[in-house]
Amino acid sequence: MTKMIVMLKRREGMTHAEFVKHYTNTHRPLLESIPETQRLVKGFVVSFPVAAPQ
C-alpha cells in the first residue's frame, strides 16, 4: 500500500469557501475521471482546516 499526502495552496484573493468549492466541483471530478485513478485509488480522505475557536 502506498499513501500520498498532497498539500494545496489557494490562490491569492481566493476565500477558503471558494477554494473548497473549486476543489470539490472541479479538481476532484477531473482526478476521478482518469481511468488509472479509478483502477488504482481505493479511497480518498480530504481534510480542510477549520477556524480556531475565539
PDB file of N, CA and C in Angstrom:
ATOM      1  N   MET A   1       0.846  -1.169   0.000  1.00  0.00           N
ATOM      2  CA  MET A   1       0.000   0.000   0.000  1.00  0.00           C
ATOM      3  C   MET A   1       0.896   1.238   0.000  1.00  0.00           C
ATOM      4  N   THR A   2       0.510   2.213  -0.787  1.00  0.00           N
ATOM      5  CA  THR A   2       1.208   3.495  -0.828  1.00  0.00           C
ATOM      6  C   THR A   2       0.219   4.577  -0.443  1.00  0.00           C
ATOM      7  N   LYS A   3       0.660   5.472   0.419  1.00  0.00           N
ATOM      8  CA  LYS A   3      -0.176   6.609   0.799  1.00  0.00           C
ATOM      9  C   LYS A   3       0.486   7.869   0.279  1.00  0.00           C
ATOM     10  N   MET A   4      -0.333   8.813  -0.141  1.00  0.00           N
ATOM     11  CA  MET A   4       0.190  10.053  -0.684  1.00  0.00           C
ATOM     12  C   MET A   4      -0.504  11.212   0.015  1.00  0.00           C
ATOM     13  N   ILE A   5       0.282  12.179   0.407  1.00  0.00           N
ATOM     14  CA  ILE A   5      -0.254  13.390   1.018  1.00  0.00           C
ATOM     15  C   ILE A   5       0.035  14.546   0.071  1.00  0.00           C
ATOM     16  N   VAL A   6      -1.012  15.305  -0.247  1.00  0.00           N
ATOM     17  CA  VAL A   6      -0.870  16.453  -1.134  1.00  0.00           C
ATOM     18  C   VAL A   6      -1.369  17.683  -0.394  1.00  0.00           C
ATOM     19  N   MET A   7      -0.568  18.703  -0.391  1.00  0.00           N
ATOM     20  CA  MET A   7      -0.978  19.960   0.234  1.00  0.00           C
ATOM     21  C   MET A   7      -1.116  21.004  -0.861  1.00  0.00           C
ATOM     22  N   LEU A   8      -2.228  21.671  -0.886  1.00  0.00           N
ATOM     23  CA  LEU A   8      -2.502  22.679  -1.905  1.00  0.00           C
ATOM     24  C   LEU A   8      -2.572  24.052  -1.264  1.00  0.00           C
ATOM     25  N   LYS A   9      -2.097  25.042  -1.980  1.00  0.00           N
ATOM     26  CA  LYS A   9      -2.176  26.421  -1.516  1.00  0.00           C
ATOM     27  C   LYS A   9      -3.198  27.140  -2.379  1.00  0.00           C
ATOM     28  N   ARG A  10      -4.104  27.838  -1.726  1.00  0.00           N
ATOM     29  CA  ARG A  10      -5.108  28.529  -2.532  1.00  0.00           C
ATOM     30  C   ARG A  10      -4.553  29.807  -3.116  1.00  0.00           C
ATOM     31  N   ARG A  11      -5.128  30.164  -4.243  1.00  0.00           N
ATOM     32  CA  ARG A  11      -4.709  31.370  -4.954  1.00  0.00           C
ATOM     33  C   ARG A  11      -4.907  32.613  -4.089  1.00  0.00           C
ATOM     34  N   GLU A  12      -4.020  33.561  -4.242  1.00  0.00           N
ATOM     35  CA  GLU A  12      -4.169  34.813  -3.506  1.00  0.00           C
ATOM     36  C   GLU A  12      -5.489  35.470  -3.903  1.00  0.00           C
ATOM     37  N   GLY A  13      -6.215  35.941  -2.917  1.00  0.00           N
ATOM     38  CA  GLY A  13      -7.501  36.580  -3.156  1.00  0.00           C
ATOM     39  C   GLY A  13      -8.673  35.613  -3.150  1.00  0.00           C
ATOM     40  N   MET A  14      -8.403  34.317  -3.094  1.00  0.00           N
ATOM     41  CA  MET A  14      -9.466  33.312  -3.090  1.00  0.00           C
ATOM     42  C   MET A  14      -9.830  32.996  -1.633  1.00  0.00           C
ATOM     43  N   THR A  15     -11.106  33.019  -1.324  1.00  0.00           N
ATOM     44  CA  THR A  15     -11.532  32.705   0.037  1.00  0.00           C
ATOM     45  C   THR A  15     -11.464  31.199   0.268  1.00  0.00           C
ATOM     46  N   HIS A  16     -11.500  30.828   1.521  1.00  0.00           N
ATOM     47  CA  HIS A  16     -11.491  29.401   1.869  1.00  0.00           C
ATOM     48  C   HIS A  16     -12.697  28.695   1.243  1.00  0.00           C
ATOM     49  N   ALA A  17     -13.854  29.312   1.321  1.00  0.00           N
ATOM     50  CA  ALA A  17     -15.070  28.711   0.762  1.00  0.00           C
ATOM     51  C   ALA A  17     -14.958  28.534  -0.757  1.00  0.00           C
ATOM     52  N   GLU A  18     -14.387  29.518  -1.444  1.00  0.00           N
ATOM     53  CA  GLU A  18     -14.189  29.413  -2.893  1.00  0.00           C
ATOM     54  C   GLU A  18     -13.230  28.278  -3.228  1.00  0.00           C
ATOM     55  N   PHE A  19     -12.173  28.134  -2.423  1.00  0.00           N
ATOM     56  CA  PHE A  19     -11.198  27.066  -2.643  1.00  0.00           C
ATOM     57  C   PHE A  19     -11.846  25.696  -2.488  1.00  0.00           C
ATOM     58  N   VAL A  20     -12.596  25.517  -1.421  1.00  0.00           N
ATOM     59  CA  VAL A  20     -13.266  24.229  -1.185  1.00  0.00           C
ATOM     60  C   VAL A  20     -14.238  23.920  -2.323  1.00  0.00           C
ATOM     61  N   LYS A  21     -15.001  24.914  -2.749  1.00  0.00           N
ATOM     62  CA  LYS A  21     -15.951  24.723  -3.848  1.00  0.00           C
ATOM     63  C   LYS A  21     -15.226  24.356  -5.144  1.00  0.00           C
ATOM     64  N   HIS A  22     -14.134  25.052  -5.449  1.00  0.00           N
ATOM     65  CA  HIS A  22     -13.374  24.789  -6.674  1.00  0.00           C
ATOM     66  C   HIS A  22     -12.760  23.388  -6.637  1.00  0.00           C
ATOM     67  N   TYR A  23     -12.177  23.024  -5.512  1.00  0.00           N
ATOM     68  CA  TYR A  23     -11.593  21.685  -5.380  1.00  0.00           C
ATOM     69  C   TYR A  23     -12.675  20.618  -5.542  1.00  0.00           C
ATOM     70  N   THR A  24     -13.777  20.790  -4.842  1.00  0.00           N
ATOM     71  CA  THR A  24     -14.840  19.790  -4.830  1.00  0.00           C
ATOM     72  C   THR A  24     -15.537  19.650  -6.179  1.00  0.00           C
ATOM     73  N   ASN A  25     -15.784  20.773  -6.851  1.00  0.00           N
ATOM     74  CA  ASN A  25     -16.576  20.741  -8.079  1.00  0.00           C
ATOM     75  C   ASN A  25     -15.748  20.655  -9.363  1.00  0.00           C
ATOM     76  N   THR A  26     -14.439  20.950  -9.293  1.00  0.00           N
ATOM     77  CA  THR A  26     -13.610  20.953 -10.499  1.00  0.00           C
ATOM     78  C   THR A  26     -12.487  19.926 -10.431  1.00  0.00           C
ATOM     79  N   HIS A  27     -11.592  20.080  -9.471  1.00  0.00           N
ATOM     80  CA  HIS A  27     -10.400  19.237  -9.444  1.00  0.00           C
ATOM     81  C   HIS A  27     -10.685  17.779  -9.099  1.00  0.00           C
ATOM     82  N   ARG A  28     -11.480  17.538  -8.114  1.00  0.00           N
ATOM     83  CA  ARG A  28     -11.732  16.139  -7.734  1.00  0.00           C
ATOM     84  C   ARG A  28     -12.425  15.365  -8.851  1.00  0.00           C
ATOM     85  N   PRO A  29     -13.476  15.910  -9.496  1.00  0.00           N
ATOM     86  CA  PRO A  29     -14.069  15.180 -10.618  1.00  0.00           C
ATOM     87  C   PRO A  29     -13.080  14.916 -11.759  1.00  0.00           C
ATOM     88  N   LEU A  30     -12.179  15.869 -12.023  1.00  0.00           N
ATOM     89  CA  LEU A  30     -11.167  15.643 -13.062  1.00  0.00           C
ATOM     90  C   LEU A  30     -10.258  14.474 -12.688  1.00  0.00           C
ATOM     91  N   LEU A  31      -9.816  14.460 -11.458  1.00  0.00           N
ATOM     92  CA  LEU A  31      -8.960  13.372 -10.994  1.00  0.00           C
ATOM     93  C   LEU A  31      -9.687  12.034 -11.070  1.00  0.00           C
ATOM     94  N   GLU A  32     -10.921  12.008 -10.632  1.00  0.00           N
ATOM     95  CA  GLU A  32     -11.685  10.762 -10.623  1.00  0.00           C
ATOM     96  C   GLU A  32     -12.045  10.285 -12.026  1.00  0.00           C
ATOM     97  N   SER A  33     -11.972  11.156 -13.026  1.00  0.00           N
ATOM     98  CA  SER A  33     -12.303  10.760 -14.393  1.00  0.00           C
ATOM     99  C   SER A  33     -11.146  10.052 -15.102  1.00  0.00           C
ATOM    100  N   ILE A  34      -9.968  10.084 -14.513  1.00  0.00           N
ATOM    101  CA  ILE A  34      -8.805   9.428 -15.108  1.00  0.00           C
ATOM    102  C   ILE A  34      -8.910   7.922 -14.865  1.00  0.00           C
ATOM    103  N   PRO A  35      -8.862   7.104 -15.923  1.00  0.00           N
ATOM    104  CA  PRO A  35      -9.034   5.656 -15.759  1.00  0.00           C
ATOM    105  C   PRO A  35      -8.056   5.029 -14.760  1.00  0.00           C
ATOM    106  N   GLU A  36      -6.805   5.469 -14.755  1.00  0.00           N
ATOM    107  CA  GLU A  36      -5.830   4.913 -13.811  1.00  0.00           C
ATOM    108  C   GLU A  36      -6.225   5.211 -12.374  1.00  0.00           C
ATOM    109  N   THR A  37      -6.793   6.369 -12.145  1.00  0.00           N
ATOM    110  CA  THR A  37      -7.243   6.718 -10.800  1.00  0.00           C
ATOM    111  C   THR A  37      -8.353   5.773 -10.373  1.00  0.00           C
ATOM    112  N   GLN A  38      -9.309   5.555 -11.256  1.00  0.00           N
ATOM    113  CA  GLN A  38     -10.420   4.650 -10.939  1.00  0.00           C
ATOM    114  C   GLN A  38      -9.910   3.249 -10.626  1.00  0.00           C
ATOM    115  N   ARG A  39      -8.874   2.829 -11.318  1.00  0.00           N
ATOM    116  CA  ARG A  39      -8.360   1.477 -11.144  1.00  0.00           C
ATOM    117  C   ARG A  39      -7.453   1.342  -9.921  1.00  0.00           C
ATOM    118  N   LEU A  40      -6.648   2.360  -9.642  1.00  0.00           N
ATOM    119  CA  LEU A  40      -5.611   2.235  -8.627  1.00  0.00           C
ATOM    120  C   LEU A  40      -5.936   2.847  -7.265  1.00  0.00           C
ATOM    121  N   VAL A  41      -6.729   3.895  -7.234  1.00  0.00           N
ATOM    122  CA  VAL A  41      -7.010   4.580  -5.969  1.00  0.00           C
ATOM    123  C   VAL A  41      -8.207   3.926  -5.301  1.00  0.00           C
ATOM    124  N   LYS A  42      -7.981   3.467  -4.087  1.00  0.00           N
ATOM    125  CA  LYS A  42      -9.034   2.760  -3.355  1.00  0.00           C
ATOM    126  C   LYS A  42      -9.872   3.689  -2.489  1.00  0.00           C
ATOM    127  N   GLY A  43      -9.366   4.861  -2.183  1.00  0.00           N
ATOM    128  CA  GLY A  43     -10.144   5.785  -1.353  1.00  0.00           C
ATOM    129  C   GLY A  43      -9.463   7.136  -1.220  1.00  0.00           C
ATOM    130  N   PHE A  44     -10.249   8.119  -0.877  1.00  0.00           N
ATOM    131  CA  PHE A  44      -9.763   9.473  -0.657  1.00  0.00           C
ATOM    132  C   PHE A  44     -10.136   9.904   0.757  1.00  0.00           C
ATOM    133  N   VAL A  45      -9.253  10.598   1.395  1.00  0.00           N
ATOM    134  CA  VAL A  45      -9.572  11.284   2.643  1.00  0.00           C
ATOM    135  C   VAL A  45      -9.148  12.724   2.434  1.00  0.00           C
ATOM    136  N   VAL A  46     -10.092  13.628   2.569  1.00  0.00           N
ATOM    137  CA  VAL A  46      -9.813  15.045   2.346  1.00  0.00           C
ATOM    138  C   VAL A  46     -10.062  15.785   3.650  1.00  0.00           C
ATOM    139  N   SER A  47      -9.097  16.599   4.045  1.00  0.00           N
ATOM    140  CA  SER A  47      -9.227  17.390   5.266  1.00  0.00           C
ATOM    141  C   SER A  47      -8.977  18.855   4.930  1.00  0.00           C
ATOM    142  N   PHE A  48      -9.893  19.694   5.340  1.00  0.00           N
ATOM    143  CA  PHE A  48      -9.742  21.132   5.174  1.00  0.00           C
ATOM    144  C   PHE A  48      -9.580  21.754   6.560  1.00  0.00           C
ATOM    145  N   PRO A  49      -8.732  22.770   6.684  1.00  0.00           N
ATOM    146  CA  PRO A  49      -8.559  23.401   8.001  1.00  0.00           C
ATOM    147  C   PRO A  49      -9.843  24.101   8.445  1.00  0.00           C
ATOM    148  N   VAL A  50     -10.038  24.133   9.730  1.00  0.00           N
ATOM    149  CA  VAL A  50     -11.187  24.856  10.293  1.00  0.00           C
ATOM    150  C   VAL A  50     -10.654  25.987  11.174  1.00  0.00           C
ATOM    151  N   ALA A  51     -11.441  27.024  11.317  1.00  0.00           N
ATOM    152  CA  ALA A  51     -11.026  28.171  12.122  1.00  0.00           C
ATOM    153  C   ALA A  51     -10.949  27.783  13.595  1.00  0.00           C
ATOM    154  N   ALA A  52      -9.946  28.314  14.270  1.00  0.00           N
ATOM    155  CA  ALA A  52      -9.796  28.062  15.699  1.00  0.00           C
ATOM    156  C   ALA A  52     -10.874  28.829  16.462  1.00  0.00           C
ATOM    157  N   PRO A  53     -11.364  28.238  17.538  1.00  0.00           N
ATOM    158  CA  PRO A  53     -12.384  28.963  18.345  1.00  0.00           C
ATOM    159  C   PRO A  53     -11.788  30.227  18.943  1.00  0.00           C
ATOM    160  N   GLN A  54     -12.583  31.242  18.996  1.00  0.00           N
ATOM    161  CA  GLN A  54     -12.132  32.536  19.550  1.00  0.00           C
ATOM    162  C   GLN A  54     -12.293  32.581  21.042  1.00  0.00           C
TER     163      GLN A  54
END
